[in-house]
Amino acid sequence: MNVQIVKESKKICPLLREPLEECYCNSMSSQDIEKTIFFCSGSYNTCEIYICKMPVQVIMK
């Protein structure tokens, strides 16, 4: 994963303030750290958890 992309991103997942039980940031296992950084810090609109739980916002973008 390109860390520079994460640093340049200014968008943070709106679910991060009140994460869902299945969100990557809740488990933070070694398998989920990369996903947490990538999806929660800028690419949340491509996250399957976000897409499934927030379909109306994704469609409207």
PDB file of N, CA and C in Angstrom:
ATOM      1  N   MET A   1       0.846  -1.173   0.000  1.00  0.00           N
ATOM      2  CA  MET A   1       0.000   0.000   0.000  1.00  0.00           C
ATOM      3  C   MET A   1       0.893   1.239   0.000  1.00  0.00           C
ATOM      4  N   ASN A   2       0.449   2.255  -0.711  1.00  0.00           N
ATOM      5  CA  ASN A   2       1.193   3.493  -0.814  1.00  0.00           C
ATOM      6  C   ASN A   2       0.803   4.419   0.341  1.00  0.00           C
ATOM      7  N   VAL A   3       1.717   4.602   1.286  1.00  0.00           N
ATOM      8  CA  VAL A   3       1.448   5.437   2.460  1.00  0.00           C
ATOM      9  C   VAL A   3       1.223   6.884   2.061  1.00  0.00           C
ATOM     10  N   GLN A   4       1.866   7.338   0.994  1.00  0.00           N
ATOM     11  CA  GLN A   4       1.707   8.722   0.529  1.00  0.00           C
ATOM     12  C   GLN A   4       0.255   9.013   0.174  1.00  0.00           C
ATOM     13  N   ILE A   5      -0.430   8.053  -0.421  1.00  0.00           N
ATOM     14  CA  ILE A   5      -1.844   8.235  -0.768  1.00  0.00           C
ATOM     15  C   ILE A   5      -2.659   8.504   0.492  1.00  0.00           C
ATOM     16  N   VAL A   6      -2.388   7.764   1.552  1.00  0.00           N
ATOM     17  CA  VAL A   6      -3.105   7.944   2.813  1.00  0.00           C
ATOM     18  C   VAL A   6      -2.794   9.317   3.401  1.00  0.00           C
ATOM     19  N   LYS A   7      -1.532   9.733   3.368  1.00  0.00           N
ATOM     20  CA  LYS A   7      -1.156  11.035   3.919  1.00  0.00           C
ATOM     21  C   LYS A   7      -1.828  12.182   3.164  1.00  0.00           C
ATOM     22  N   GLU A   8      -1.953  12.043   1.855  1.00  0.00           N
ATOM     23  CA  GLU A   8      -2.528  13.116   1.043  1.00  0.00           C
ATOM     24  C   GLU A   8      -4.048  13.163   1.141  1.00  0.00           C
ATOM     25  N   SER A   9      -4.647  12.094   1.591  1.00  0.00           N
ATOM     26  CA  SER A   9      -6.099  12.030   1.668  1.00  0.00           C
ATOM     27  C   SER A   9      -6.600  12.887   2.827  1.00  0.00           C
ATOM     28  N   LYS A  10      -7.642  13.645   2.571  1.00  0.00           N
ATOM     29  CA  LYS A  10      -8.216  14.473   3.620  1.00  0.00           C
ATOM     30  C   LYS A  10      -9.573  13.944   4.062  1.00  0.00           C
ATOM     31  N   LYS A  11     -10.040  12.897   3.416  1.00  0.00           N
ATOM     32  CA  LYS A  11     -11.329  12.330   3.759  1.00  0.00           C
ATOM     33  C   LYS A  11     -11.133  11.172   4.729  1.00  0.00           C
ATOM     34  N   ILE A  12     -11.948  11.156   5.742  1.00  0.00           N
ATOM     35  CA  ILE A  12     -11.933  10.075   6.721  1.00  0.00           C
ATOM     36  C   ILE A  12     -13.330   9.471   6.750  1.00  0.00           C
ATOM     37  N   CYS A  13     -13.397   8.179   6.889  1.00  0.00           N
ATOM     38  CA  CYS A  13     -14.680   7.482   6.886  1.00  0.00           C
ATOM     39  C   CYS A  13     -15.618   8.074   7.938  1.00  0.00           C
ATOM     40  N   PRO A  14     -16.843   8.395   7.547  1.00  0.00           N
ATOM     41  CA  PRO A  14     -17.801   8.946   8.505  1.00  0.00           C
ATOM     42  C   PRO A  14     -18.179   7.945   9.597  1.00  0.00           C
ATOM     43  N   LEU A  15     -17.952   6.670   9.356  1.00  0.00           N
ATOM     44  CA  LEU A  15     -18.259   5.660  10.366  1.00  0.00           C
ATOM     45  C   LEU A  15     -17.188   5.585  11.445  1.00  0.00           C
ATOM     46  N   LEU A  16     -16.077   6.272  11.253  1.00  0.00           N
ATOM     47  CA  LEU A  16     -14.976   6.197  12.206  1.00  0.00           C
ATOM     48  C   LEU A  16     -15.349   6.782  13.567  1.00  0.00           C
ATOM     49  N   ARG A  17     -16.208   7.762  13.591  1.00  0.00           N
ATOM     50  CA  ARG A  17     -16.627   8.356  14.877  1.00  0.00           C
ATOM     51  C   ARG A  17     -17.438   7.369  15.706  1.00  0.00           C
ATOM     52  N   GLU A  18     -18.286   6.616  15.049  1.00  0.00           N
ATOM     53  CA  GLU A  18     -19.091   5.586  15.704  1.00  0.00           C
ATOM     54  C   GLU A  18     -19.028   4.323  14.840  1.00  0.00           C
ATOM     55  N   PRO A  19     -17.924   3.600  14.912  1.00  0.00           N
ATOM     56  CA  PRO A  19     -17.733   2.446  14.036  1.00  0.00           C
ATOM     57  C   PRO A  19     -18.748   1.341  14.296  1.00  0.00           C
ATOM     58  N   LEU A  20     -19.095   0.667  13.233  1.00  0.00           N
ATOM     59  CA  LEU A  20     -19.959  -0.487  13.338  1.00  0.00           C
ATOM     60  C   LEU A  20     -19.152  -1.655  13.898  1.00  0.00           C
ATOM     61  N   GLU A  21     -19.842  -2.636  14.407  1.00  0.00           N
ATOM     62  CA  GLU A  21     -19.152  -3.786  14.987  1.00  0.00           C
ATOM     63  C   GLU A  21     -18.214  -4.458  13.982  1.00  0.00           C
ATOM     64  N   GLU A  22     -18.617  -4.496  12.714  1.00  0.00           N
ATOM     65  CA  GLU A  22     -17.816  -5.175  11.701  1.00  0.00           C
ATOM     66  C   GLU A  22     -16.722  -4.308  11.075  1.00  0.00           C
ATOM     67  N   CYS A  23     -16.626  -3.058  11.440  1.00  0.00           N
ATOM     68  CA  CYS A  23     -15.605  -2.174  10.877  1.00  0.00           C
ATOM     69  C   CYS A  23     -14.201  -2.673  11.209  1.00  0.00           C
ATOM     70  N   TYR A  24     -13.290  -2.485  10.270  1.00  0.00           N
ATOM     71  CA  TYR A  24     -11.911  -2.932  10.446  1.00  0.00           C
ATOM     72  C   TYR A  24     -11.252  -2.281  11.658  1.00  0.00           C
ATOM     73  N   CYS A  25     -11.580  -1.044  11.936  1.00  0.00           N
ATOM     74  CA  CYS A  25     -10.938  -0.337  13.047  1.00  0.00           C
ATOM     75  C   CYS A  25     -11.329  -0.904  14.405  1.00  0.00           C
ATOM     76  N   ASN A  26     -12.404  -1.659  14.472  1.00  0.00           N
ATOM     77  CA  ASN A  26     -12.803  -2.268  15.741  1.00  0.00           C
ATOM     78  C   ASN A  26     -11.971  -3.488  16.096  1.00  0.00           C
ATOM     79  N   SER A  27     -11.545  -4.235  15.121  1.00  0.00           N
ATOM     80  CA  SER A  27     -10.804  -5.455  15.432  1.00  0.00           C
ATOM     81  C   SER A  27      -9.303  -5.196  15.542  1.00  0.00           C
ATOM     82  N   MET A  28      -8.782  -4.384  14.636  1.00  0.00           N
ATOM     83  CA  MET A  28      -7.368  -4.018  14.611  1.00  0.00           C
ATOM     84  C   MET A  28      -6.418  -5.201  14.825  1.00  0.00           C
ATOM     85  N   SER A  29      -6.787  -6.337  14.283  1.00  0.00           N
ATOM     86  CA  SER A  29      -5.863  -7.466  14.292  1.00  0.00           C
ATOM     87  C   SER A  29      -4.763  -7.167  13.283  1.00  0.00           C
ATOM     88  N   SER A  30      -3.721  -7.958  13.305  1.00  0.00           N
ATOM     89  CA  SER A  30      -2.623  -7.724  12.371  1.00  0.00           C
ATOM     90  C   SER A  30      -3.097  -7.838  10.924  1.00  0.00           C
ATOM     91  N   GLN A  31      -4.157  -8.599  10.700  1.00  0.00           N
ATOM     92  CA  GLN A  31      -4.700  -8.755   9.354  1.00  0.00           C
ATOM     93  C   GLN A  31      -5.524  -7.541   8.926  1.00  0.00           C
ATOM     94  N   ASP A  32      -6.000  -6.764   9.875  1.00  0.00           N
ATOM     95  CA  ASP A  32      -6.876  -5.644   9.559  1.00  0.00           C
ATOM     96  C   ASP A  32      -6.204  -4.278   9.596  1.00  0.00           C
ATOM     97  N   ILE A  33      -4.981  -4.192  10.045  1.00  0.00           N
ATOM     98  CA  ILE A  33      -4.319  -2.889  10.160  1.00  0.00           C
ATOM     99  C   ILE A  33      -4.207  -2.203   8.801  1.00  0.00           C
ATOM    100  N   GLU A  34      -3.759  -2.919   7.790  1.00  0.00           N
ATOM    101  CA  GLU A  34      -3.616  -2.307   6.462  1.00  0.00           C
ATOM    102  C   GLU A  34      -4.974  -1.870   5.917  1.00  0.00           C
ATOM    103  N   LYS A  35      -5.999  -2.690   6.117  1.00  0.00           N
ATOM    104  CA  LYS A  35      -7.346  -2.332   5.660  1.00  0.00           C
ATOM    105  C   LYS A  35      -7.849  -1.103   6.409  1.00  0.00           C
ATOM    106  N   THR A  36      -7.588  -1.039   7.701  1.00  0.00           N
ATOM    107  CA  THR A  36      -8.018   0.107   8.501  1.00  0.00           C
ATOM    108  C   THR A  36      -7.385   1.387   7.977  1.00  0.00           C
ATOM    109  N   ILE A  37      -6.088   1.356   7.754  1.00  0.00           N
ATOM    110  CA  ILE A  37      -5.393   2.543   7.253  1.00  0.00           C
ATOM    111  C   ILE A  37      -5.922   2.928   5.877  1.00  0.00           C
ATOM    112  N   PHE A  38      -6.061   1.967   5.008  1.00  0.00           N
ATOM    113  CA  PHE A  38      -6.485   2.258   3.636  1.00  0.00           C
ATOM    114  C   PHE A  38      -7.935   2.721   3.568  1.00  0.00           C
ATOM    115  N   PHE A  39      -8.855   1.947   4.129  1.00  0.00           N
ATOM    116  CA  PHE A  39     -10.277   2.251   3.984  1.00  0.00           C
ATOM    117  C   PHE A  39     -10.748   3.374   4.912  1.00  0.00           C
ATOM    118  N   CYS A  40     -10.327   3.363   6.150  1.00  0.00           N
ATOM    119  CA  CYS A  40     -10.819   4.363   7.106  1.00  0.00           C
ATOM    120  C   CYS A  40     -10.189   5.734   6.894  1.00  0.00           C
ATOM    121  N   SER A  41      -9.050   5.761   6.239  1.00  0.00           N
ATOM    122  CA  SER A  41      -8.327   7.019   6.052  1.00  0.00           C
ATOM    123  C   SER A  41      -8.369   7.532   4.628  1.00  0.00           C
ATOM    124  N   GLY A  42      -9.462   7.352   3.954  1.00  0.00           N
ATOM    125  CA  GLY A  42      -9.550   7.992   2.653  1.00  0.00           C
ATOM    126  C   GLY A  42     -10.244   7.218   1.561  1.00  0.00           C
ATOM    127  N   SER A  43     -10.199   5.926   1.594  1.00  0.00           N
ATOM    128  CA  SER A  43     -10.808   5.142   0.528  1.00  0.00           C
ATOM    129  C   SER A  43     -12.085   4.450   0.993  1.00  0.00           C
ATOM    130  N   TYR A  44     -12.750   5.075   1.947  1.00  0.00           N
ATOM    131  CA  TYR A  44     -13.944   4.444   2.517  1.00  0.00           C
ATOM    132  C   TYR A  44     -15.043   4.215   1.493  1.00  0.00           C
ATOM    133  N   ASN A  45     -15.083   5.014   0.447  1.00  0.00           N
ATOM    134  CA  ASN A  45     -16.134   4.842  -0.565  1.00  0.00           C
ATOM    135  C   ASN A  45     -15.955   3.565  -1.378  1.00  0.00           C
ATOM    136  N   THR A  46     -14.813   2.887  -1.226  1.00  0.00           N
ATOM    137  CA  THR A  46     -14.603   1.597  -1.882  1.00  0.00           C
ATOM    138  C   THR A  46     -14.661   0.437  -0.891  1.00  0.00           C
ATOM    139  N   CYS A  47     -14.883   0.729   0.363  1.00  0.00           N
ATOM    140  CA  CYS A  47     -14.937  -0.288   1.426  1.00  0.00           C
ATOM    141  C   CYS A  47     -16.272  -1.035   1.347  1.00  0.00           C
ATOM    142  N   GLU A  48     -16.206  -2.356   1.324  1.00  0.00           N
ATOM    143  CA  GLU A  48     -17.449  -3.129   1.209  1.00  0.00           C
ATOM    144  C   GLU A  48     -18.332  -2.976   2.441  1.00  0.00           C
ATOM    145  N   ILE A  49     -17.755  -2.754   3.608  1.00  0.00           N
ATOM    146  CA  ILE A  49     -18.562  -2.522   4.815  1.00  0.00           C
ATOM    147  C   ILE A  49     -19.327  -1.211   4.667  1.00  0.00           C
ATOM    148  N   TYR A  50     -18.638  -0.162   4.250  1.00  0.00           N
ATOM    149  CA  TYR A  50     -19.278   1.144   4.052  1.00  0.00           C
ATOM    150  C   TYR A  50     -20.357   1.069   2.977  1.00  0.00           C
ATOM    151  N   ILE A  51     -20.050   0.423   1.870  1.00  0.00           N
ATOM    152  CA  ILE A  51     -21.007   0.316   0.767  1.00  0.00           C
ATOM    153  C   ILE A  51     -22.265  -0.430   1.203  1.00  0.00           C
ATOM    154  N   CYS A  52     -22.102  -1.507   1.966  1.00  0.00           N
ATOM    155  CA  CYS A  52     -23.262  -2.289   2.420  1.00  0.00           C
ATOM    156  C   CYS A  52     -24.099  -1.547   3.449  1.00  0.00           C
ATOM    157  N   LYS A  53     -23.448  -0.806   4.322  1.00  0.00           N
ATOM    158  CA  LYS A  53     -24.162  -0.137   5.417  1.00  0.00           C
ATOM    159  C   LYS A  53     -24.637   1.264   5.062  1.00  0.00           C
ATOM    160  N   MET A  54     -24.016   1.884   4.070  1.00  0.00           N
ATOM    161  CA  MET A  54     -24.361   3.256   3.702  1.00  0.00           C
ATOM    162  C   MET A  54     -24.681   3.356   2.216  1.00  0.00           C
ATOM    163  N   PRO A  55     -25.513   2.475   1.667  1.00  0.00           N
ATOM    164  CA  PRO A  55     -25.719   2.435   0.212  1.00  0.00           C
ATOM    165  C   PRO A  55     -26.301   3.716  -0.390  1.00  0.00           C
ATOM    166  N   VAL A  56     -27.142   4.412   0.324  1.00  0.00           N
ATOM    167  CA  VAL A  56     -27.768   5.614  -0.223  1.00  0.00           C
ATOM    168  C   VAL A  56     -26.722   6.691  -0.455  1.00  0.00           C
ATOM    169  N   GLN A  57     -25.810   6.888   0.496  1.00  0.00           N
ATOM    170  CA  GLN A  57     -24.772   7.906   0.342  1.00  0.00           C
ATOM    171  C   GLN A  57     -23.821   7.559  -0.783  1.00  0.00           C
ATOM    172  N   VAL A  58     -23.506   6.289  -0.948  1.00  0.00           N
ATOM    173  CA  VAL A  58     -22.577   5.877  -1.999  1.00  0.00           C
ATOM    174  C   VAL A  58     -23.199   6.116  -3.367  1.00  0.00           C
ATOM    175  N   ILE A  59     -24.466   5.789  -3.527  1.00  0.00           N
ATOM    176  CA  ILE A  59     -25.158   5.957  -4.801  1.00  0.00           C
ATOM    177  C   ILE A  59     -25.272   7.437  -5.157  1.00  0.00           C
ATOM    178  N   MET A  60     -25.491   8.285  -4.171  1.00  0.00           N
ATOM    179  CA  MET A  60     -25.724   9.701  -4.416  1.00  0.00           C
ATOM    180  C   MET A  60     -24.446  10.453  -4.764  1.00  0.00           C
ATOM    181  N   LYS A  61     -23.290   9.886  -4.512  1.00  0.00           N
ATOM    182  CA  LYS A  61     -22.018  10.591  -4.763  1.00  0.00           C
ATOM    183  C   LYS A  61     -21.729  10.714  -6.207  1.00  0.00           C
TER     184      LYS A  61
END
